[in-house]
Each structure stands twice: as C-alpha cells, then as structure tokens.
C-alpha atoms as a PDB file:
ATOM      1  CA  UNK A   1     155.223 102.661  32.176  1.00  0.00           C
ATOM      2  CA  UNK A   2     154.703 101.444  28.650  1.00  0.00           C
ATOM      3  CA  UNK A   3     151.924 103.281  26.848  1.00  0.00           C
ATOM      4  CA  UNK A   4     149.511 102.271  24.126  1.00  0.00           C
ATOM      5  CA  UNK A   5     147.754 104.943  22.078  1.00  0.00           C
ATOM      6  CA  UNK A   6     145.133 104.002  19.487  1.00  0.00           C
ATOM      7  CA  UNK A   7     142.805 106.275  17.515  1.00  0.00           C
ATOM      8  CA  UNK A   8     140.094 104.885  15.244  1.00  0.00           C
ATOM      9  CA  UNK A   9     137.533 106.635  13.071  1.00  0.00           C
ATOM     10  CA  UNK A  10     133.892 105.571  13.178  1.00  0.00           C
ATOM     11  CA  UNK A  11     130.540 106.516  11.648  1.00  0.00           C
ATOM     12  CA  UNK A  12     128.418 105.798  14.726  1.00  0.00           C
ATOM     13  CA  UNK A  13     128.023 109.317  16.097  1.00  0.00           C
ATOM     14  CA  UNK A  14     128.798 110.025  19.717  1.00  0.00           C
ATOM     15  CA  UNK A  15     125.742 108.189  21.113  1.00  0.00           C
ATOM     16  CA  UNK A  16     126.399 105.097  19.004  1.00  0.00           C
ATOM     17  CA  UNK A  17     130.078 105.113  19.906  1.00  0.00           C
ATOM     18  CA  UNK A  18     129.166 105.319  23.587  1.00  0.00           C
ATOM     19  CA  UNK A  19     126.913 102.252  23.254  1.00  0.00           C
ATOM     20  CA  UNK A  20     129.762 100.460  21.513  1.00  0.00           C
ATOM     21  CA  UNK A  21     132.164 101.474  24.279  1.00  0.00           C
ATOM     22  CA  UNK A  22     129.734  99.984  26.806  1.00  0.00           C
ATOM     23  CA  UNK A  23     130.181  96.615  25.076  1.00  0.00           C
ATOM     24  CA  UNK A  24     133.948  97.001  25.338  1.00  0.00           C
ATOM     25  CA  UNK A  25     133.607  97.920  29.029  1.00  0.00           C
ATOM     26  CA  UNK A  26     131.503  94.810  29.660  1.00  0.00           C
ATOM     27  CA  UNK A  27     134.145  92.698  27.948  1.00  0.00           C
ATOM     28  CA  UNK A  28     136.984  94.289  29.931  1.00  0.00           C
ATOM     29  CA  UNK A  29     135.084  93.817  33.172  1.00  0.00           C
ATOM     30  CA  UNK A  30     134.332  90.159  32.601  1.00  0.00           C
ATOM     31  CA  UNK A  31     137.612  89.092  30.998  1.00  0.00           C
ATOM     32  CA  UNK A  32     140.097  91.136  33.043  1.00  0.00           C
ATOM     33  CA  UNK A  33     138.169  92.089  36.179  1.00  0.00           C
ATOM     34  CA  UNK A  34     138.604  95.727  35.148  1.00  0.00           C
ATOM     35  CA  UNK A  35     136.799  98.528  36.931  1.00  0.00           C
ATOM     36  CA  UNK A  36     135.163 100.906  34.455  1.00  0.00           C
ATOM     37  CA  UNK A  37     133.385 104.225  34.946  1.00  0.00           C
ATOM     38  CA  UNK A  38     132.257 107.111  32.761  1.00  0.00           C
ATOM     39  CA  UNK A  39     133.667 110.596  33.305  1.00  0.00           C
ATOM     40  CA  UNK A  40     131.845 112.770  30.758  1.00  0.00           C
ATOM     41  CA  UNK A  41     132.936 111.383  27.340  1.00  0.00           C
ATOM     42  CA  UNK A  42     135.728 109.220  28.762  1.00  0.00           C
ATOM     43  CA  UNK A  43     135.433 105.591  29.790  1.00  0.00           C
ATOM     44  CA  UNK A  44     138.096 105.275  32.488  1.00  0.00           C
ATOM     45  CA  UNK A  45     139.260 101.746  33.302  1.00  0.00           C
ATOM     46  CA  UNK A  46     141.767 100.037  35.537  1.00  0.00           C
ATOM     47  CA  UNK A  47     142.824  96.561  36.545  1.00  0.00           C
ATOM     48  CA  UNK A  48     145.923  95.012  38.039  1.00  0.00           C
ATOM     49  CA  UNK A  49     148.897  96.485  36.190  1.00  0.00           C
ATOM     50  CA  UNK A  50     146.888  98.518  33.696  1.00  0.00           C
ATOM     51  CA  UNK A  51     144.917 101.745  33.586  1.00  0.00           C
ATOM     52  CA  UNK A  52     143.608 103.913  30.812  1.00  0.00           C
ATOM     53  CA  UNK A  53     140.750 105.711  29.163  1.00  0.00           C
ATOM     54  CA  UNK A  54     138.712 105.552  26.008  1.00  0.00           C
ATOM     55  CA  UNK A  55     137.596 108.963  24.751  1.00  0.00           C
ATOM     56  CA  UNK A  56     134.430 109.170  22.655  1.00  0.00           C
ATOM     57  CA  UNK A  57     134.097 111.838  19.956  1.00  0.00           C
ATOM     58  CA  UNK A  58     131.620 112.325  17.106  1.00  0.00           C
ATOM     59  CA  UNK A  59     133.868 110.745  14.465  1.00  0.00           C
ATOM     60  CA  UNK A  60     136.551 108.798  16.327  1.00  0.00           C
ATOM     61  CA  UNK A  61     137.485 106.986  19.498  1.00  0.00           C
ATOM     62  CA  UNK A  62     140.845 107.292  21.186  1.00  0.00           C
ATOM     63  CA  UNK A  63     142.293 104.829  23.657  1.00  0.00           C
ATOM     64  CA  UNK A  64     145.246 105.512  25.927  1.00  0.00           C
ATOM     65  CA  UNK A  65     146.536 102.676  28.096  1.00  0.00           C
ATOM     66  CA  UNK A  66     149.352 102.658  30.648  1.00  0.00           C
ATOM     67  CA  UNK A  67     150.862  99.233  31.282  1.00  0.00           C
ATOM     68  CA  UNK A  68     152.623  98.380  34.522  1.00  0.00           C
ATOM     69  CA  UNK A  69     156.055  96.813  34.727  1.00  0.00           C
ATOM     70  CA  UNK A  70     154.857  93.211  34.547  1.00  0.00           C
ATOM     71  CA  UNK A  71     152.812  93.823  31.378  1.00  0.00           C
ATOM     72  CA  UNK A  72     155.463  95.734  29.420  1.00  0.00           C
ATOM     73  CA  UNK A  73     156.764  92.630  27.631  1.00  0.00           C
ATOM     74  CA  UNK A  74     153.215  91.986  26.382  1.00  0.00           C
ATOM     75  CA  UNK A  75     152.655  95.491  24.999  1.00  0.00           C
ATOM     76  CA  UNK A  76     152.468  94.541  21.310  1.00  0.00           C
ATOM     77  CA  UNK A  77     150.195  91.567  22.001  1.00  0.00           C
ATOM     78  CA  UNK A  78     147.881  93.676  24.179  1.00  0.00           C
ATOM     79  CA  UNK A  79     147.854  96.493  21.613  1.00  0.00           C
ATOM     80  CA  UNK A  80     146.984  94.187  18.720  1.00  0.00           C
ATOM     81  CA  UNK A  81     144.251  92.587  20.847  1.00  0.00           C
ATOM     82  CA  UNK A  82     142.721  95.985  21.632  1.00  0.00           C
ATOM     83  CA  UNK A  83     142.840  97.008  17.959  1.00  0.00           C
ATOM     84  CA  UNK A  84     141.232  93.739  16.851  1.00  0.00           C
ATOM     85  CA  UNK A  85     138.468  93.944  19.451  1.00  0.00           C
ATOM     86  CA  UNK A  86     137.811  97.608  18.698  1.00  0.00           C
ATOM     87  CA  UNK A  87     137.692  96.929  14.944  1.00  0.00           C
ATOM     88  CA  UNK A  88     135.240  94.080  15.470  1.00  0.00           C
ATOM     89  CA  UNK A  89     132.932  96.006  17.777  1.00  0.00           C
ATOM     90  CA  UNK A  90     132.891  99.167  15.623  1.00  0.00           C
ATOM     91  CA  UNK A  91     132.481  97.253  12.337  1.00  0.00           C
ATOM     92  CA  UNK A  92     129.604  95.173  13.751  1.00  0.00           C
ATOM     93  CA  UNK A  93     127.804  98.287  14.968  1.00  0.00           C
ATOM     94  CA  UNK A  94     128.400 100.290  11.774  1.00  0.00           C
ATOM     95  CA  UNK A  95     126.896  97.456   9.742  1.00  0.00           C
ATOM     96  CA  UNK A  96     123.808  97.441  11.974  1.00  0.00           C
ATOM     97  CA  UNK A  97     123.311 101.211  11.831  1.00  0.00           C
END
C-alpha cells in the first residue's frame, strides 16, 4: 500500500481542531462515501481503496492514509488535495477564533 503522512500545526486547541475535523469528515463522507468514526482523539475513516486516521492534538493534526492498489498512481494528487483542504479548513477556523 502507498501511504500518505501529513502533519500540520494549528492554533485551535484540541476542541477547536476536533470541530474542524468534523467538517473534514462531513466532506469525506459526502464526496467519497467514506465511513468516519471517532476513536478517542482519532477520526478513523475508510472508503473503497483507502483507509486512514486523523489524530487531533493540542497544537497539531496528523493524517495517515493508506491507499489501495488502484489509487497508488494518484498518490501525489490525493496528497496535495488533502493538504489544500486541510489548510483551507484550519485557516478559516483560525481566522474565526
């Protein structure tokens, strides 16, 4: 499996980061029919050919994604899409806070 690992700092605090992650989960669910659930501070998600988790901490979020065989050729495109969406969601919420 191809893996994607992204870590991003934030200034939202754990509660704010969790709210932000909920927005990401909603987006994943609607756009990719992903199943998402919380396990303590981890948002665990899966869909056809992909599974992963987003870990929430006080000052950063960390995403680990495992891509199946069919999605390997799209790894860089998927990774840049995740980074862009994460940047947008975190930046929007930091500017509100």
